[in-house]
Amino acid sequence: MKVKILLVDDHDALLSGIKLWLSQVDEWEVVAEASSGEEAIELTRSLKPDLVLMDISMPGIGGIGALEKIKEDNPNVKVLMLTMHSEEEYLKRALRKGASGFVLKKAAHTELISAINTVLSGETYIYPSLTNLLIKGFVGKDEEDKEGQSSKRSLLSEREEEVLKYIALGFTYGEIAKQLFVSIKTVEAYKSRISEKLKLKRRSELVRFAIDEGLISINE
């Protein structure tokens, strides 16, 4: 069975280009296109796609508003946001609303297939340049953050916090293992302990927790 994808953007040229790139993967099928957030909400309800690839900036309700309603209607649908470099300030808000990741529009032709594969596997995809900004945002913040940490966050060890940061940034277990010089099984064990301590099972929930607790941030 093919993966059903809904495309949402108010620029016809971009939609045509994305459809062309997605046609390279036989297992994927673009089931519909929308040009507004309102239309995306209705099409998601009727077609029940596996993935919604949606622009952030659109007339009307916009991408963030549509994302929130889509996730309320169907929490299991993956929503991958298309964004311009100048829209980085929307990252925190969109992740809280349940976005599975971001693709930079100008790099969509090189990153899109990888990004979709990532989110379909249950991971979070954040384009590389934004990941670098997020890393800079939390480096050196540990002492400041400790003063305001919640009771739940205080349950985590220093290493568990570090693993959670990388998970929230969209790193795979293999990438985290390389960063921390440990095995993938060790990273998986850390993730299991983190989920158990925080009572959060989904990756999206861990991402929202990391943002709310200041473990990752963006330069606004």
Protein backbone atom coordinates (compact mmCIF):
# COMPACT_ATOMS: atom_id res chain seq x y z
CA MET A 1 0.00 0.00 0.00
CA LYS A 2 1.35 3.40 -1.00
CA VAL A 3 1.98 6.24 1.44
CA LYS A 4 -0.68 8.91 0.86
CA ILE A 5 0.66 12.47 0.79
CA LEU A 6 -1.27 15.76 0.81
CA LEU A 7 0.58 18.83 -0.54
CA VAL A 8 -0.35 22.25 0.80
CA ASP A 9 1.12 25.48 -0.62
CA ASP A 10 -0.27 28.56 -2.33
CA HIS A 11 2.53 28.66 -4.92
CA ASP A 12 1.68 26.53 -7.96
CA ALA A 13 5.26 26.42 -9.23
CA LEU A 14 6.55 25.01 -5.94
CA LEU A 15 3.76 22.42 -5.81
CA SER A 16 4.64 21.26 -9.33
CA GLY A 17 8.30 20.93 -8.38
CA ILE A 18 7.51 18.98 -5.21
CA LYS A 19 5.23 16.59 -7.10
CA LEU A 20 8.04 15.95 -9.57
CA TRP A 21 10.53 15.18 -6.78
CA LEU A 22 8.08 12.90 -4.97
CA SER A 23 7.33 10.97 -8.15
CA GLN A 24 10.83 9.49 -7.85
CA VAL A 25 9.55 7.24 -5.04
CA ASP A 26 7.16 4.53 -6.24
CA GLU A 27 5.84 3.86 -2.72
CA TRP A 28 4.47 7.41 -2.38
CA GLU A 29 1.32 8.88 -3.89
CA VAL A 30 0.23 12.53 -3.90
CA VAL A 31 -3.52 12.14 -3.30
CA ALA A 32 -4.43 15.83 -3.39
CA GLU A 33 -3.18 19.42 -3.37
CA ALA A 34 -4.42 22.36 -1.33
CA SER A 35 -3.64 26.07 -1.48
CA SER A 36 -4.88 27.15 1.97
CA GLY A 37 -4.97 25.95 5.56
CA GLU A 38 -8.76 25.65 5.50
CA GLU A 39 -8.63 23.42 2.43
CA ALA A 40 -5.87 21.32 4.01
CA ILE A 41 -8.02 20.68 7.09
CA GLU A 42 -10.98 19.52 5.00
CA LEU A 43 -8.89 17.32 2.69
CA THR A 44 -7.13 15.72 5.64
CA ARG A 45 -10.49 14.84 7.16
CA SER A 46 -11.85 13.33 3.95
CA LEU A 47 -8.73 11.64 2.51
CA LYS A 48 -6.90 10.69 5.73
CA PRO A 49 -3.37 11.01 4.29
CA ASP A 50 -0.35 9.51 6.02
CA LEU A 51 1.64 12.71 5.57
CA VAL A 52 0.78 16.38 5.08
CA LEU A 53 3.54 18.48 3.52
CA MET A 54 2.50 22.05 4.26
CA ASP A 55 3.77 25.60 3.91
CA ILE A 56 3.87 27.71 7.06
CA SER A 57 3.02 31.05 5.43
CA MET A 58 -0.32 31.04 3.60
CA PRO A 59 -3.34 33.35 3.42
CA GLY A 60 -6.17 32.76 5.87
CA ILE A 61 -5.64 30.40 8.79
CA GLY A 62 -2.03 29.75 7.79
CA GLY A 63 0.13 26.69 8.27
CA ILE A 64 0.38 26.80 12.08
CA GLY A 65 -3.36 27.16 12.55
CA ALA A 66 -4.04 24.36 10.09
CA LEU A 67 -1.43 22.17 11.79
CA GLU A 68 -3.13 22.56 15.15
CA LYS A 69 -6.56 21.62 13.78
CA ILE A 70 -5.22 18.73 11.71
CA LYS A 71 -3.47 17.22 14.75
CA GLU A 72 -6.61 17.66 16.86
CA ASP A 73 -8.62 15.73 14.26
CA ASN A 74 -5.97 13.06 13.64
CA PRO A 75 -3.04 12.94 16.08
CA ASN A 76 -1.36 10.16 14.09
CA VAL A 77 -0.96 12.05 10.81
CA LYS A 78 2.58 13.27 10.14
CA VAL A 79 2.89 16.96 9.25
CA LEU A 80 6.12 18.18 7.67
CA MET A 81 6.35 21.96 7.40
CA LEU A 82 7.91 23.92 4.53
CA THR A 83 9.62 27.09 5.68
CA MET A 84 11.78 30.00 4.57
CA HIS A 85 15.02 30.80 6.42
CA SER A 86 13.41 33.96 7.85
CA GLU A 87 10.64 31.90 9.49
CA GLU A 88 12.80 30.19 12.12
CA GLU A 89 10.85 31.87 14.91
CA TYR A 90 7.88 29.65 14.11
CA LEU A 91 9.80 26.46 14.95
CA LYS A 92 9.03 26.36 18.66
CA ARG A 93 5.34 27.04 18.17
CA ALA A 94 4.94 24.48 15.38
CA LEU A 95 6.72 21.73 17.31
CA ARG A 96 4.44 22.35 20.26
CA LYS A 97 1.47 21.93 17.95
CA GLY A 98 2.76 18.56 16.76
CA ALA A 99 4.83 19.21 13.62
CA SER A 100 7.09 16.30 12.68
CA GLY A 101 9.76 18.56 11.24
CA PHE A 102 10.82 21.28 8.84
CA VAL A 103 12.25 21.47 5.33
CA LEU A 104 13.84 24.66 4.06
CA LYS A 105 12.11 25.62 0.81
CA LYS A 106 15.25 26.54 -1.07
CA ALA A 107 16.76 23.12 -0.23
CA ALA A 108 13.61 21.06 -0.72
CA HIS A 109 14.90 19.42 -3.90
CA THR A 110 17.87 17.93 -2.02
CA GLU A 111 16.34 17.30 1.42
CA LEU A 112 12.71 16.44 0.82
CA ILE A 113 12.94 12.69 0.22
CA SER A 114 15.24 12.23 3.19
CA ALA A 115 12.99 14.39 5.37
CA ILE A 116 9.85 12.44 4.46
CA ASN A 117 11.54 9.10 5.10
CA THR A 118 12.67 10.43 8.48
CA VAL A 119 9.23 11.55 9.68
CA LEU A 120 7.49 8.45 8.32
CA SER A 121 9.83 6.37 10.47
CA GLY A 122 8.67 8.29 13.54
CA GLU A 123 11.65 10.62 13.82
CA THR A 124 11.72 14.43 13.78
CA TYR A 125 13.41 16.14 10.83
CA ILE A 126 14.95 19.59 11.25
CA TYR A 127 16.99 20.99 8.38
CA PRO A 128 20.75 21.18 9.11
CA SER A 129 21.21 24.95 9.32
CA LEU A 130 18.42 25.27 11.89
CA THR A 131 19.80 22.35 13.88
CA ASN A 132 23.06 24.30 14.21
CA LEU A 133 21.14 27.31 15.57
CA LEU A 134 19.30 25.11 18.05
CA ILE A 135 22.55 23.59 19.28
CA LYS A 136 24.01 27.07 19.79
CA GLY A 137 20.83 27.98 21.62
CA PHE A 138 21.30 25.39 24.34
CA VAL A 139 25.12 25.28 24.60
CA GLY A 140 26.14 27.09 27.76
CA LYS A 141 22.59 27.30 29.15
CA ASP A 142 22.75 24.41 31.60
CA GLU A 143 23.56 26.41 34.73
CA GLU A 144 20.93 29.02 33.92
CA ASP A 145 18.30 26.36 33.19
CA LYS A 146 18.92 24.39 36.40
CA GLU A 147 17.46 27.20 38.51
CA GLY A 148 14.06 26.91 36.84
CA GLN A 149 13.80 23.25 36.10
CA SER A 150 10.51 21.52 36.88
CA SER A 151 10.11 18.52 39.15
CA LYS A 152 9.86 16.24 36.11
CA ARG A 153 13.05 17.54 34.56
CA SER A 154 14.86 17.10 37.86
CA LEU A 155 14.21 13.37 37.54
CA LEU A 156 16.65 13.20 34.63
CA SER A 157 20.37 12.71 34.99
CA GLU A 158 22.78 15.05 33.21
CA ARG A 159 23.42 12.45 30.50
CA GLU A 160 19.69 11.78 30.08
CA GLU A 161 19.12 15.51 29.55
CA GLU A 162 21.86 15.48 26.93
CA VAL A 163 20.27 12.54 25.12
CA LEU A 164 16.86 14.23 25.29
CA LYS A 165 18.31 17.38 23.70
CA TYR A 166 19.60 15.41 20.74
CA ILE A 167 16.32 13.49 20.39
CA ALA A 168 14.41 16.79 20.35
CA LEU A 169 16.75 18.15 17.68
CA GLY A 170 15.87 15.26 15.40
CA PHE A 171 19.09 13.26 15.65
CA THR A 172 18.79 9.53 14.95
CA TYR A 173 19.96 7.03 17.56
CA GLY A 174 23.02 6.34 15.44
CA GLU A 175 23.91 10.03 15.23
CA ILE A 176 23.44 10.46 18.99
CA ALA A 177 25.66 7.45 19.62
CA LYS A 178 28.44 9.04 17.55
CA GLN A 179 28.07 12.38 19.33
CA LEU A 180 28.27 10.76 22.78
CA PHE A 181 30.74 7.98 21.90
CA VAL A 182 28.40 5.23 23.06
CA SER A 183 26.55 2.37 21.34
CA ILE A 184 23.13 2.67 19.73
CA LYS A 185 21.77 0.21 22.31
CA THR A 186 22.98 2.53 25.06
CA VAL A 187 21.15 5.46 23.46
CA GLU A 188 17.99 3.36 23.17
CA ALA A 189 18.28 2.46 26.86
CA TYR A 190 18.61 6.13 27.78
CA LYS A 191 15.56 6.97 25.68
CA SER A 192 13.53 4.26 27.41
CA ARG A 193 14.51 5.56 30.85
CA ILE A 194 13.70 9.13 29.84
CA SER A 195 10.26 8.11 28.56
CA GLU A 196 9.57 6.11 31.72
CA LYS A 197 10.62 8.92 34.05
CA LEU A 198 8.69 11.63 32.19
CA LYS A 199 5.70 9.39 31.36
CA LEU A 200 6.00 10.50 27.74
CA LYS A 201 5.97 7.84 25.03
CA ARG A 202 5.80 9.74 21.74
CA ARG A 203 8.78 11.55 20.29
CA SER A 204 6.61 14.62 19.68
CA GLU A 205 5.83 14.73 23.41
CA LEU A 206 9.53 14.59 24.24
CA VAL A 207 10.20 17.42 21.78
CA ARG A 208 7.54 19.62 23.38
CA PHE A 209 8.88 18.83 26.86
CA ALA A 210 12.42 19.77 25.78
CA ILE A 211 11.20 23.08 24.35
CA ASP A 212 9.02 23.94 27.36
CA GLU A 213 11.88 23.18 29.76
CA GLY A 214 14.40 25.27 27.80
CA LEU A 215 16.56 22.29 26.86
CA ILE A 216 16.48 23.56 23.28
CA SER A 217 15.66 27.02 22.05
CA ILE A 218 16.03 29.23 19.04
CA ASN A 219 17.49 32.72 18.73
CA GLU A 220 14.37 34.83 18.45
